[in-house]
């Protein structure tokens, strides 16, 4: 449910010529967002290509009744790349979980580079395919698990994203319930059970994983 689409050793910049790199960087803006600040509001026009250079962001899907967190992004990741090319507006909101830096790239210039640079075009297609595959895999993976297995899977993913066994949950119990497809009561019961068994400590949104091996076993078998 959380991902970083870039290689640790190679970024999208590496597929550009010096001239193309200069074009995109010179016509982009690096914007800083504080924790909790809205980066994208659902429904606004997708006029820029957004690249999360530093920080963590959660994507939210909103309807008339509720707002649901559906994905966590870490740094070196495009935000809404698929949406940008398929539609002219964003069908989600994006909120900074931590202080974040987002590069806003001119869409027309980005599309021109895609047209003129085959290697870059293939790379962007690969990134979009990976994003689609990840979303589908996560949905299928969680749908085949019971409540305990699904929640433990999410906790493991978050621990990996934060690179720590101690982290702040970036969403509420209700949002977590919507993500895993179970009731809020099931989520609360599972977290209480994990704490009672000494697997985690849960206090508000603060989570500390005490026994990662047991968490992985429950995730795998649940």
Protein backbone atom coordinates (compact mmCIF):
# COMPACT_ATOMS: atom_id res chain seq x y z
CA UNK A 1 0.00 0.00 0.00
CA UNK A 2 3.03 2.22 0.26
CA UNK A 3 5.67 2.58 -2.37
CA UNK A 4 8.64 4.36 -3.85
CA UNK A 5 8.71 3.84 -7.60
CA UNK A 6 12.26 5.04 -8.24
CA UNK A 7 15.39 2.91 -8.17
CA UNK A 8 17.75 3.74 -5.32
CA UNK A 9 20.50 4.40 -7.86
CA UNK A 10 18.64 5.85 -10.84
CA UNK A 11 15.98 8.54 -11.17
CA UNK A 12 13.95 9.88 -14.06
CA UNK A 13 16.55 12.63 -14.54
CA UNK A 14 19.03 10.00 -15.77
CA UNK A 15 16.94 9.31 -18.87
CA UNK A 16 17.15 12.91 -20.06
CA UNK A 17 19.71 14.72 -22.17
CA UNK A 18 21.35 17.75 -20.57
CA UNK A 19 19.17 20.01 -22.70
CA UNK A 20 15.98 18.19 -21.73
CA UNK A 21 16.94 18.18 -18.07
CA UNK A 22 17.56 21.92 -18.15
CA UNK A 23 14.23 22.52 -19.94
CA UNK A 24 12.20 20.64 -17.34
CA UNK A 25 14.05 21.96 -14.30
CA UNK A 26 14.10 25.56 -15.50
CA UNK A 27 10.34 25.41 -16.11
CA UNK A 28 9.47 23.73 -12.82
CA UNK A 29 8.97 24.92 -9.25
CA UNK A 30 10.08 23.19 -6.06
CA UNK A 31 7.33 23.74 -3.48
CA UNK A 32 7.64 23.01 0.24
CA UNK A 33 4.65 21.65 2.16
CA UNK A 34 4.28 21.41 5.91
CA UNK A 35 2.94 18.31 7.65
CA UNK A 36 -0.83 18.14 7.15
CA UNK A 37 -0.85 20.61 4.26
CA UNK A 38 -2.91 19.81 1.16
CA UNK A 39 -0.77 19.25 -1.95
CA UNK A 40 -3.61 18.29 -4.32
CA UNK A 41 -7.32 18.92 -3.89
CA UNK A 42 -9.52 16.33 -5.55
CA UNK A 43 -11.11 17.69 -8.72
CA UNK A 44 -8.54 20.39 -9.55
CA UNK A 45 -7.04 20.55 -13.04
CA UNK A 46 -3.93 18.42 -13.61
CA UNK A 47 -1.85 21.20 -15.12
CA UNK A 48 1.51 19.99 -13.81
CA UNK A 49 3.45 16.76 -13.43
CA UNK A 50 4.14 16.35 -9.71
CA UNK A 51 7.24 14.60 -8.37
CA UNK A 52 7.73 14.04 -4.65
CA UNK A 53 11.42 14.73 -4.10
CA UNK A 54 11.38 14.49 -0.30
CA UNK A 55 8.83 13.54 2.31
CA UNK A 56 5.75 11.33 2.62
CA UNK A 57 2.28 11.87 1.22
CA UNK A 58 -1.05 10.10 1.63
CA UNK A 59 -3.60 9.97 -1.17
CA UNK A 60 -7.24 10.47 -0.20
CA UNK A 61 -10.39 9.64 -2.16
CA UNK A 62 -13.38 11.70 -1.12
CA UNK A 63 -17.10 11.35 -1.74
CA UNK A 64 -20.15 13.02 -0.25
CA UNK A 65 -20.06 10.86 2.88
CA UNK A 66 -16.41 10.26 3.74
CA UNK A 67 -12.73 10.71 2.96
CA UNK A 68 -10.62 7.55 2.70
CA UNK A 69 -6.83 7.20 2.64
CA UNK A 70 -5.94 4.79 -0.15
CA UNK A 71 -2.18 5.00 -0.69
CA UNK A 72 1.03 6.20 0.96
CA UNK A 73 3.85 7.62 -1.18
CA UNK A 74 7.45 8.07 -0.10
CA UNK A 75 10.10 10.29 -1.67
CA UNK A 76 11.32 9.99 -5.27
CA UNK A 77 7.85 9.14 -6.56
CA UNK A 78 5.55 10.72 -9.13
CA UNK A 79 2.21 11.77 -7.68
CA UNK A 80 -0.82 10.93 -9.82
CA UNK A 81 1.13 10.21 -13.01
CA UNK A 82 -1.59 7.90 -14.40
CA UNK A 83 -4.34 10.36 -13.58
CA UNK A 84 -2.43 13.20 -15.23
CA UNK A 85 -2.37 11.53 -18.65
CA UNK A 86 -5.76 9.81 -18.53
CA UNK A 87 -7.82 12.70 -17.19
CA UNK A 88 -7.51 16.47 -17.04
CA UNK A 89 -8.26 16.61 -13.32
CA UNK A 90 -7.11 14.72 -10.24
CA UNK A 91 -9.59 12.18 -8.85
CA UNK A 92 -7.91 12.16 -5.43
CA UNK A 93 -6.45 14.54 -2.86
CA UNK A 94 -2.87 14.41 -1.60
CA UNK A 95 -1.84 15.48 1.90
CA UNK A 96 1.70 15.77 3.31
CA UNK A 97 2.31 13.30 6.16
CA UNK A 98 5.74 14.81 6.84
CA UNK A 99 7.35 18.07 5.66
CA UNK A 100 7.63 17.47 1.92
CA UNK A 101 9.16 18.94 -1.23
CA UNK A 102 7.21 18.56 -4.47
CA UNK A 103 8.54 19.54 -7.88
CA UNK A 104 5.81 20.93 -10.13
CA UNK A 105 6.86 20.33 -13.74
CA UNK A 106 5.31 22.05 -16.74
CA UNK A 107 3.04 19.46 -18.34
CA UNK A 108 3.56 20.62 -21.94
CA UNK A 109 7.34 20.47 -21.61
CA UNK A 110 7.13 17.02 -20.01
CA UNK A 111 4.97 15.72 -22.86
CA UNK A 112 7.34 17.19 -25.44
CA UNK A 113 10.29 15.36 -23.87
CA UNK A 114 8.29 12.11 -23.97
CA UNK A 115 7.65 12.61 -27.69
CA UNK A 116 11.31 13.26 -28.49
CA UNK A 117 13.01 10.79 -26.13
CA UNK A 118 12.12 7.12 -26.66
CA UNK A 119 14.06 5.85 -23.63
CA UNK A 120 12.33 8.35 -21.38
CA UNK A 121 8.93 7.47 -22.88
CA UNK A 122 9.51 3.77 -22.18
CA UNK A 123 10.61 4.59 -18.63
CA UNK A 124 7.45 6.63 -17.96
CA UNK A 125 5.31 3.78 -19.36
CA UNK A 126 7.12 1.36 -17.05
CA UNK A 127 6.47 3.60 -14.06
CA UNK A 128 2.77 3.84 -14.90
CA UNK A 129 2.58 0.06 -15.32
CA UNK A 130 4.32 -0.51 -12.00
CA UNK A 131 1.93 1.87 -10.26
CA UNK A 132 -1.09 0.08 -11.77
CA UNK A 133 0.33 -3.33 -10.89
CA UNK A 134 1.03 -2.22 -7.32
CA UNK A 135 -2.50 -0.90 -6.80
CA UNK A 136 -4.08 -4.10 -8.19
CA UNK A 137 -1.70 -6.34 -6.22
CA UNK A 138 -2.42 -4.53 -2.96
CA UNK A 139 -6.18 -4.75 -3.46
CA UNK A 140 -6.06 -8.47 -4.26
CA UNK A 141 -3.53 -9.20 -1.52
CA UNK A 142 -5.60 -7.54 1.20
CA UNK A 143 -8.91 -8.94 -0.06
CA UNK A 144 -7.66 -12.51 0.46
CA UNK A 145 -6.72 -11.96 4.10
CA UNK A 146 -8.74 -11.96 7.29
CA UNK A 147 -8.84 -8.78 9.37
CA UNK A 148 -5.76 -9.65 11.45
CA UNK A 149 -3.69 -10.60 8.40
CA UNK A 150 -4.69 -7.49 6.46
CA UNK A 151 -3.97 -5.11 9.35
CA UNK A 152 -0.60 -6.73 10.07
CA UNK A 153 0.27 -6.39 6.38
CA UNK A 154 -0.49 -2.67 6.48
CA UNK A 155 1.59 -2.22 9.65
CA UNK A 156 4.54 -3.99 8.02
CA UNK A 157 4.23 -1.77 4.94
CA UNK A 158 4.14 1.37 7.06
CA UNK A 159 7.16 0.25 9.08
CA UNK A 160 9.03 -0.23 5.80
CA UNK A 161 8.02 3.22 4.51
CA UNK A 162 8.99 4.97 7.75
CA UNK A 163 12.10 2.75 7.98
CA UNK A 164 11.38 2.31 11.69
CA UNK A 165 9.55 0.01 14.09
CA UNK A 166 8.10 3.14 15.71
CA UNK A 167 5.91 5.47 13.67
CA UNK A 168 2.78 7.61 13.65
CA UNK A 169 -0.19 6.11 11.80
CA UNK A 170 -0.93 8.47 8.89
CA UNK A 171 -4.65 7.75 9.02
CA UNK A 172 -7.48 7.12 11.46
CA UNK A 173 -8.92 3.78 12.57
CA UNK A 174 -11.89 4.38 10.26
CA UNK A 175 -9.57 5.03 7.29
CA UNK A 176 -7.57 1.89 8.15
CA UNK A 177 -10.84 -0.08 8.25
CA UNK A 178 -11.75 1.22 4.79
CA UNK A 179 -8.31 0.28 3.43
CA UNK A 180 -8.43 -3.33 4.66
CA UNK A 181 -12.15 -3.77 3.99
CA UNK A 182 -13.22 -4.57 7.54
CA UNK A 183 -15.17 -2.71 10.21
CA UNK A 184 -13.72 -0.15 12.58
CA UNK A 185 -14.54 -2.54 15.43
CA UNK A 186 -12.48 -5.29 13.77
CA UNK A 187 -9.52 -2.92 13.45
CA UNK A 188 -9.73 -1.84 17.11
CA UNK A 189 -10.10 -5.48 18.22
CA UNK A 190 -7.09 -6.57 16.18
CA UNK A 191 -4.84 -3.76 17.43
CA UNK A 192 -5.90 -4.49 21.02
CA UNK A 193 -5.18 -8.19 20.53
CA UNK A 194 -1.75 -7.48 19.03
CA UNK A 195 -0.94 -5.22 21.97
CA UNK A 196 -2.21 -7.73 24.51
CA UNK A 197 -0.02 -10.44 22.94
CA UNK A 198 3.05 -8.21 23.04
CA UNK A 199 3.38 -7.82 19.28
CA UNK A 200 2.89 -4.04 19.21
CA UNK A 201 2.25 -1.06 21.43
CA UNK A 202 -0.60 1.12 20.13
CA UNK A 203 -1.34 4.48 21.72
CA UNK A 204 -3.52 6.79 19.68
CA UNK A 205 -1.81 7.01 16.29
CA UNK A 206 1.55 5.96 17.72
CA UNK A 207 2.61 2.40 16.82
CA UNK A 208 5.66 0.52 18.07
CA UNK A 209 6.36 -2.95 16.69
CA UNK A 210 7.83 -5.14 19.43
CA UNK A 211 7.84 -8.51 17.65
CA UNK A 212 8.27 -8.12 13.89
CA UNK A 213 8.59 -11.89 13.31
CA UNK A 214 5.19 -12.62 14.84
CA UNK A 215 3.70 -9.70 12.91
CA UNK A 216 5.04 -11.19 9.66
CA UNK A 217 3.67 -14.66 10.54
CA UNK A 218 0.18 -13.26 11.18
CA UNK A 219 0.41 -11.25 7.96
CA UNK A 220 1.45 -14.29 5.95
CA UNK A 221 -1.02 -16.78 7.43
CA UNK A 222 -3.97 -14.45 8.02
